[in-house]
């Protein structure tokens, strides 16, 4: 009985892989894409600058630092980005949901 369940599970997995390879069925993440909010053009340059800064901080060397110390700048930039989006939506009402 156990081997029958396992065999069915493997066959289902292989079938799904084949279906996805042949692109009969779109991937699950394709359905979840959201539209860009109104007013995004206003905040896009700032978000891109924060993303570039985040990439630079991730690439920095961590020699002589503890693991938590190396993550502080990344956490700080991520918080800054989240706070900027929050302020633009709730405080200044520059973007929509």
C-alpha atoms as a PDB file:
ATOM      1  CA  UNK A   1       0.000   0.000   0.000  1.00  0.00           C
ATOM      2  CA  UNK A   2       2.803   2.405   0.871  1.00  0.00           C
ATOM      3  CA  UNK A   3       4.689   1.725  -2.351  1.00  0.00           C
ATOM      4  CA  UNK A   4       1.494   2.347  -4.343  1.00  0.00           C
ATOM      5  CA  UNK A   5       1.085   5.809  -2.793  1.00  0.00           C
ATOM      6  CA  UNK A   6       4.745   6.572  -3.407  1.00  0.00           C
ATOM      7  CA  UNK A   7       4.495   5.409  -7.032  1.00  0.00           C
ATOM      8  CA  UNK A   8       1.440   7.594  -7.621  1.00  0.00           C
ATOM      9  CA  UNK A   9       3.178  10.578  -6.058  1.00  0.00           C
ATOM     10  CA  UNK A  10       6.258  10.095  -8.254  1.00  0.00           C
ATOM     11  CA  UNK A  11       4.130   9.706 -11.381  1.00  0.00           C
ATOM     12  CA  UNK A  12       2.178  12.858 -10.569  1.00  0.00           C
ATOM     13  CA  UNK A  13       5.407  14.780 -10.022  1.00  0.00           C
ATOM     14  CA  UNK A  14       6.866  13.531 -13.308  1.00  0.00           C
ATOM     15  CA  UNK A  15       3.666  14.387 -15.157  1.00  0.00           C
ATOM     16  CA  UNK A  16       3.692  17.919 -13.738  1.00  0.00           C
ATOM     17  CA  UNK A  17       7.318  18.355 -14.749  1.00  0.00           C
ATOM     18  CA  UNK A  18       6.530  17.218 -18.289  1.00  0.00           C
ATOM     19  CA  UNK A  19       3.527  19.506 -18.516  1.00  0.00           C
ATOM     20  CA  UNK A  20       5.565  22.474 -17.318  1.00  0.00           C
ATOM     21  CA  UNK A  21       8.406  21.670 -19.729  1.00  0.00           C
ATOM     22  CA  UNK A  22       5.957  21.631 -22.631  1.00  0.00           C
ATOM     23  CA  UNK A  23       4.464  24.866 -21.306  1.00  0.00           C
ATOM     24  CA  UNK A  24       0.944  23.569 -21.430  1.00  0.00           C
ATOM     25  CA  UNK A  25       0.279  25.066 -18.019  1.00  0.00           C
ATOM     26  CA  UNK A  26       1.683  28.438 -16.912  1.00  0.00           C
ATOM     27  CA  UNK A  27       3.750  28.464 -13.713  1.00  0.00           C
ATOM     28  CA  UNK A  28       1.997  29.365 -10.479  1.00  0.00           C
ATOM     29  CA  UNK A  29       3.976  32.576  -9.958  1.00  0.00           C
ATOM     30  CA  UNK A  30       2.686  34.001 -13.265  1.00  0.00           C
ATOM     31  CA  UNK A  31      -0.794  34.443 -11.804  1.00  0.00           C
ATOM     32  CA  UNK A  32       0.364  36.363  -8.730  1.00  0.00           C
ATOM     33  CA  UNK A  33       1.916  39.358 -10.493  1.00  0.00           C
ATOM     34  CA  UNK A  34       0.360  42.593  -9.276  1.00  0.00           C
ATOM     35  CA  UNK A  35      -0.141  45.787 -11.223  1.00  0.00           C
ATOM     36  CA  UNK A  36       2.163  48.724 -10.591  1.00  0.00           C
ATOM     37  CA  UNK A  37       0.402  51.287  -8.347  1.00  0.00           C
ATOM     38  CA  UNK A  38      -0.459  54.760  -9.586  1.00  0.00           C
ATOM     39  CA  UNK A  39       2.270  57.228  -8.717  1.00  0.00           C
ATOM     40  CA  UNK A  40       5.042  54.611  -8.869  1.00  0.00           C
ATOM     41  CA  UNK A  41       6.985  56.787 -11.323  1.00  0.00           C
ATOM     42  CA  UNK A  42       7.346  59.317  -8.501  1.00  0.00           C
ATOM     43  CA  UNK A  43       9.105  56.905  -6.123  1.00  0.00           C
ATOM     44  CA  UNK A  44      10.889  54.656  -8.637  1.00  0.00           C
ATOM     45  CA  UNK A  45      14.256  56.523  -8.683  1.00  0.00           C
ATOM     46  CA  UNK A  46      14.517  56.409  -4.891  1.00  0.00           C
ATOM     47  CA  UNK A  47      13.660  52.713  -4.775  1.00  0.00           C
ATOM     48  CA  UNK A  48      16.245  51.947  -7.463  1.00  0.00           C
ATOM     49  CA  UNK A  49      18.882  53.904  -5.534  1.00  0.00           C
ATOM     50  CA  UNK A  50      18.066  51.946  -2.364  1.00  0.00           C
ATOM     51  CA  UNK A  51      18.223  48.656  -4.284  1.00  0.00           C
ATOM     52  CA  UNK A  52      21.641  49.584  -5.711  1.00  0.00           C
ATOM     53  CA  UNK A  53      22.896  50.541  -2.264  1.00  0.00           C
ATOM     54  CA  UNK A  54      21.577  47.242  -0.894  1.00  0.00           C
ATOM     55  CA  UNK A  55      23.432  45.303  -3.600  1.00  0.00           C
ATOM     56  CA  UNK A  56      26.643  47.152  -2.750  1.00  0.00           C
ATOM     57  CA  UNK A  57      26.274  46.365   0.954  1.00  0.00           C
ATOM     58  CA  UNK A  58      25.648  42.698   0.223  1.00  0.00           C
ATOM     59  CA  UNK A  59      28.826  42.549  -1.876  1.00  0.00           C
ATOM     60  CA  UNK A  60      30.962  44.220   0.840  1.00  0.00           C
ATOM     61  CA  UNK A  61      33.460  42.047   2.649  1.00  0.00           C
ATOM     62  CA  UNK A  62      32.607  40.914   6.151  1.00  0.00           C
ATOM     63  CA  UNK A  63      36.146  40.428   7.441  1.00  0.00           C
ATOM     64  CA  UNK A  64      36.576  41.272  11.097  1.00  0.00           C
ATOM     65  CA  UNK A  65      32.842  41.554  11.713  1.00  0.00           C
ATOM     66  CA  UNK A  66      30.471  39.310  13.554  1.00  0.00           C
ATOM     67  CA  UNK A  67      27.661  37.750  11.539  1.00  0.00           C
ATOM     68  CA  UNK A  68      25.075  40.072  13.057  1.00  0.00           C
ATOM     69  CA  UNK A  69      27.238  43.144  12.443  1.00  0.00           C
ATOM     70  CA  UNK A  70      27.518  42.293   8.768  1.00  0.00           C
ATOM     71  CA  UNK A  71      23.719  42.129   8.484  1.00  0.00           C
ATOM     72  CA  UNK A  72      23.013  45.466  10.200  1.00  0.00           C
ATOM     73  CA  UNK A  73      23.515  47.669   7.098  1.00  0.00           C
ATOM     74  CA  UNK A  74      21.318  45.344   5.036  1.00  0.00           C
ATOM     75  CA  UNK A  75      18.586  45.473   7.661  1.00  0.00           C
ATOM     76  CA  UNK A  76      18.883  49.250   7.872  1.00  0.00           C
ATOM     77  CA  UNK A  77      18.478  49.750   4.110  1.00  0.00           C
ATOM     78  CA  UNK A  78      15.576  47.324   3.990  1.00  0.00           C
ATOM     79  CA  UNK A  79      13.864  49.187   6.834  1.00  0.00           C
ATOM     80  CA  UNK A  80      14.499  52.502   5.107  1.00  0.00           C
ATOM     81  CA  UNK A  81      12.921  51.215   1.899  1.00  0.00           C
ATOM     82  CA  UNK A  82       9.856  49.881   3.725  1.00  0.00           C
ATOM     83  CA  UNK A  83       9.454  53.107   5.676  1.00  0.00           C
ATOM     84  CA  UNK A  84       9.736  55.185   2.487  1.00  0.00           C
ATOM     85  CA  UNK A  85       6.955  53.205   0.807  1.00  0.00           C
ATOM     86  CA  UNK A  86       4.805  53.453   3.943  1.00  0.00           C
ATOM     87  CA  UNK A  87       5.285  57.231   4.129  1.00  0.00           C
ATOM     88  CA  UNK A  88       4.534  57.708   0.440  1.00  0.00           C
ATOM     89  CA  UNK A  89       1.296  55.746   0.769  1.00  0.00           C
ATOM     90  CA  UNK A  90      -0.087  56.749   4.160  1.00  0.00           C
ATOM     91  CA  UNK A  91       1.470  60.098   5.007  1.00  0.00           C
ATOM     92  CA  UNK A  92       1.952  61.851   1.650  1.00  0.00           C
ATOM     93  CA  UNK A  93      -0.601  59.818  -0.371  1.00  0.00           C
ATOM     94  CA  UNK A  94       1.607  59.852  -3.474  1.00  0.00           C
ATOM     95  CA  UNK A  95       0.977  56.230  -4.470  1.00  0.00           C
ATOM     96  CA  UNK A  96      -2.072  53.995  -4.483  1.00  0.00           C
ATOM     97  CA  UNK A  97      -2.373  50.405  -3.479  1.00  0.00           C
END
